[in-house]
Amino acid sequence: VRRSAGRPESLCGTARLAHRFGRAVLERLPQLTVALLGGLMLCLSFPPFGWWIAAVVAFAGLGWLLTVPSVTAKGGFGYGLVFGLAFYIPLLPWISGLVGPVPWLALSFVEALFPALFGLAAVAVRRLPGWPLWFAALWSVQEWLKSTVPFGGFPWGVVGFSQTGGPLLPLAYVGGAPLVS
């Protein structure tokens, strides 16, 4: 393989695609790291850890990431997906004991699509006045959606359930877990 100006000239289609993917990942490594760590931090806010403050840190990172001007809607979807996978895969390993590893990973992927949709929508509303309220509303909508779709939904991982030791818990009297989330 000869290289000219850092670009492969004679790579087959698959190798060229892999090269482009690798470059894209390296160029976005800081953002991908924020999304990955954010998802892991959100997982730490749930039992058995129960570090409620970790959810605040997770959303601060995700919120910052989705407001970076260079992040496109497609990028918001991708970062939301990484965030969701980093959250759901370690949150749901108990399911693999019931149904095996493939359904566990499949469920984690399907659930990660909801934060991905949030990321896509958040990029679309980030320039609106009061964008933090829009982000909160969009997150609540995606939590409602994942709790109802498909087949009655899968509400495991609703952020309000991670806040049992947090200062926002009294809001549950007014609006339940969605308001706490």
Protein backbone atom coordinates (compact mmCIF):
# COMPACT_ATOMS: atom_id res chain seq x y z
CA VAL A 1 0.00 0.00 0.00
CA ARG A 2 1.43 3.30 -1.05
CA ARG A 3 0.50 6.41 0.82
CA SER A 4 0.28 9.92 -0.46
CA ALA A 5 -0.44 12.83 1.87
CA GLY A 6 -1.50 10.40 4.60
CA ARG A 7 -4.20 8.73 2.45
CA PRO A 8 -4.20 5.13 1.29
CA GLU A 9 -4.33 4.91 -2.50
CA SER A 10 -4.84 1.23 -3.20
CA LEU A 11 -7.06 -0.15 -0.47
CA CYS A 12 -10.04 -2.34 -1.23
CA GLY A 13 -13.50 -1.02 -0.31
CA THR A 14 -13.66 -2.75 3.08
CA ALA A 15 -10.18 -1.66 4.09
CA ARG A 16 -10.90 1.90 2.94
CA LEU A 17 -14.11 1.93 5.00
CA ALA A 18 -12.25 0.58 8.04
CA HIS A 19 -9.57 3.24 7.60
CA ARG A 20 -12.19 6.02 7.39
CA PHE A 21 -14.01 4.63 10.44
CA GLY A 22 -10.75 4.50 12.41
CA ARG A 23 -9.91 8.08 11.50
CA ALA A 24 -13.41 9.25 12.44
CA VAL A 25 -13.15 7.54 15.82
CA LEU A 26 -9.72 9.04 16.52
CA GLU A 27 -10.91 12.52 15.54
CA ARG A 28 -13.85 12.20 17.93
CA LEU A 29 -12.11 10.32 20.73
CA PRO A 30 -12.55 13.09 23.36
CA GLN A 31 -16.28 13.37 22.61
CA LEU A 32 -16.72 9.59 22.53
CA THR A 33 -14.90 9.37 25.86
CA VAL A 34 -17.28 11.93 27.40
CA ALA A 35 -20.29 9.95 26.10
CA LEU A 36 -18.87 6.65 27.35
CA LEU A 37 -17.93 7.99 30.79
CA GLY A 38 -21.28 9.76 31.04
CA GLY A 39 -23.16 6.50 30.48
CA LEU A 40 -21.00 4.73 33.05
CA MET A 41 -21.54 7.56 35.54
CA LEU A 42 -25.30 7.29 35.06
CA CYS A 43 -25.05 3.57 35.76
CA LEU A 44 -23.19 4.33 39.01
CA SER A 45 -26.16 6.37 40.20
CA PHE A 46 -28.28 3.18 40.33
CA PRO A 47 -28.06 0.35 42.87
CA PRO A 48 -25.91 -1.34 43.99
CA PHE A 49 -23.76 1.82 43.94
CA GLY A 50 -26.48 4.42 44.43
CA TRP A 51 -24.26 7.45 43.93
CA TRP A 52 -27.07 9.84 42.96
CA ILE A 53 -24.65 12.69 42.22
CA ALA A 54 -23.12 10.60 39.42
CA ALA A 55 -26.30 11.18 37.38
CA VAL A 56 -25.80 14.93 37.64
CA VAL A 57 -22.22 14.58 36.40
CA ALA A 58 -23.37 12.25 33.60
CA PHE A 59 -25.95 14.72 32.33
CA ALA A 60 -23.56 17.65 32.63
CA GLY A 61 -21.16 15.84 30.33
CA LEU A 62 -23.85 14.77 27.89
CA GLY A 63 -25.40 18.23 27.88
CA TRP A 64 -22.03 19.84 27.16
CA LEU A 65 -21.34 17.35 24.40
CA LEU A 66 -24.67 17.94 22.66
CA THR A 67 -24.21 21.74 22.73
CA VAL A 68 -20.82 21.72 20.99
CA PRO A 69 -21.52 23.62 17.74
CA SER A 70 -19.67 21.10 15.55
CA VAL A 71 -21.92 18.20 16.69
CA THR A 72 -24.48 17.43 13.99
CA ALA A 73 -27.81 15.66 14.44
CA LYS A 74 -26.18 12.43 13.25
CA GLY A 75 -23.39 13.00 15.78
CA GLY A 76 -25.95 13.62 18.53
CA PHE A 77 -27.57 10.29 17.67
CA GLY A 78 -24.19 8.54 17.77
CA TYR A 79 -23.07 10.10 21.05
CA GLY A 80 -26.47 9.32 22.57
CA LEU A 81 -26.09 5.71 21.42
CA VAL A 82 -22.64 5.41 23.01
CA PHE A 83 -24.00 7.01 26.20
CA GLY A 84 -26.94 4.58 26.19
CA LEU A 85 -24.79 1.50 25.57
CA ALA A 86 -22.37 2.52 28.33
CA PHE A 87 -25.37 2.89 30.62
CA TYR A 88 -27.49 -0.14 29.77
CA ILE A 89 -24.88 -2.85 29.24
CA PRO A 90 -23.54 -2.63 32.82
CA LEU A 91 -27.02 -1.86 34.23
CA LEU A 92 -28.70 -4.98 32.87
CA PRO A 93 -26.25 -7.92 33.20
CA TRP A 94 -28.67 -9.75 35.48
CA ILE A 95 -30.87 -10.36 32.44
CA SER A 96 -28.17 -12.53 30.87
CA GLY A 97 -28.64 -14.99 33.71
CA LEU A 98 -32.31 -15.33 32.72
CA VAL A 99 -32.16 -15.31 28.92
CA GLY A 100 -28.48 -15.48 27.95
CA PRO A 101 -25.92 -12.94 26.72
CA VAL A 102 -27.31 -12.31 23.21
CA PRO A 103 -30.80 -11.18 24.39
CA TRP A 104 -29.15 -9.09 27.15
CA LEU A 105 -26.95 -7.27 24.63
CA ALA A 106 -29.87 -6.95 22.19
CA LEU A 107 -32.07 -5.42 24.90
CA SER A 108 -29.24 -3.09 25.90
CA PHE A 109 -28.89 -1.97 22.28
CA VAL A 110 -32.64 -1.41 21.85
CA GLU A 111 -32.77 0.59 25.09
CA ALA A 112 -29.70 2.60 23.99
CA LEU A 113 -31.65 3.74 20.94
CA PHE A 114 -33.80 5.93 23.22
CA PRO A 115 -30.88 8.09 24.48
CA ALA A 116 -29.69 8.13 20.85
CA LEU A 117 -33.03 9.62 19.79
CA PHE A 118 -32.69 12.09 22.65
CA GLY A 119 -29.25 13.10 21.33
CA LEU A 120 -30.64 13.62 17.85
CA ALA A 121 -33.53 15.76 19.13
CA ALA A 122 -31.32 17.67 21.60
CA VAL A 123 -29.05 18.84 18.80
CA ALA A 124 -32.13 20.10 16.98
CA VAL A 125 -33.31 22.24 19.94
CA ARG A 126 -29.98 23.38 21.40
CA ARG A 127 -30.25 26.85 19.86
CA LEU A 128 -33.73 27.55 21.21
CA PRO A 129 -34.15 29.92 24.14
CA GLY A 130 -34.29 27.92 27.36
CA TRP A 131 -32.52 24.92 25.81
CA PRO A 132 -31.86 23.28 29.22
CA LEU A 133 -35.63 23.03 29.73
CA TRP A 134 -36.00 21.59 26.23
CA PHE A 135 -33.30 19.02 27.03
CA ALA A 136 -35.11 18.07 30.26
CA ALA A 137 -38.43 17.76 28.46
CA LEU A 138 -36.89 15.66 25.69
CA TRP A 139 -35.24 13.37 28.24
CA SER A 140 -38.57 12.92 30.01
CA VAL A 141 -40.27 12.14 26.70
CA GLN A 142 -37.68 9.50 25.82
CA GLU A 143 -38.06 7.94 29.28
CA TRP A 144 -41.83 7.81 28.82
CA LEU A 145 -41.39 6.38 25.33
CA LYS A 146 -39.01 3.61 26.43
CA SER A 147 -41.39 2.81 29.28
CA THR A 148 -44.29 2.25 26.87
CA VAL A 149 -42.80 1.05 23.54
CA PRO A 150 -42.57 -1.77 22.41
CA PHE A 151 -45.01 -4.22 23.99
CA GLY A 152 -45.62 -2.11 27.10
CA GLY A 153 -42.03 -0.86 27.33
CA PHE A 154 -39.12 -1.49 29.63
CA PRO A 155 -38.96 1.18 32.35
CA TRP A 156 -35.76 -0.16 33.91
CA GLY A 157 -33.24 2.66 34.11
CA VAL A 158 -35.59 5.61 34.60
CA VAL A 159 -33.28 8.22 36.11
CA GLY A 160 -35.75 9.24 38.81
CA PHE A 161 -35.32 5.78 40.36
CA SER A 162 -31.61 6.49 40.90
CA GLN A 163 -32.28 9.59 43.00
CA THR A 164 -33.54 7.99 46.23
CA GLY A 165 -30.77 9.66 48.23
CA GLY A 166 -30.74 12.92 46.30
CA PRO A 167 -32.16 16.32 47.14
CA LEU A 168 -34.75 16.17 44.32
CA LEU A 169 -36.61 13.19 45.75
CA PRO A 170 -39.41 15.36 47.26
CA LEU A 171 -40.38 16.32 43.69
CA ALA A 172 -41.71 12.76 43.32
CA TYR A 173 -44.74 13.80 45.41
CA VAL A 174 -45.64 16.34 42.75
CA GLY A 175 -44.71 14.65 39.46
CA GLY A 176 -43.41 11.16 40.21
CA ALA A 177 -40.26 9.72 38.69
CA PRO A 178 -40.56 11.75 35.43
CA LEU A 179 -40.28 15.05 37.30
CA VAL A 180 -37.36 13.78 39.39
CA SER A 181 -35.66 12.63 36.18
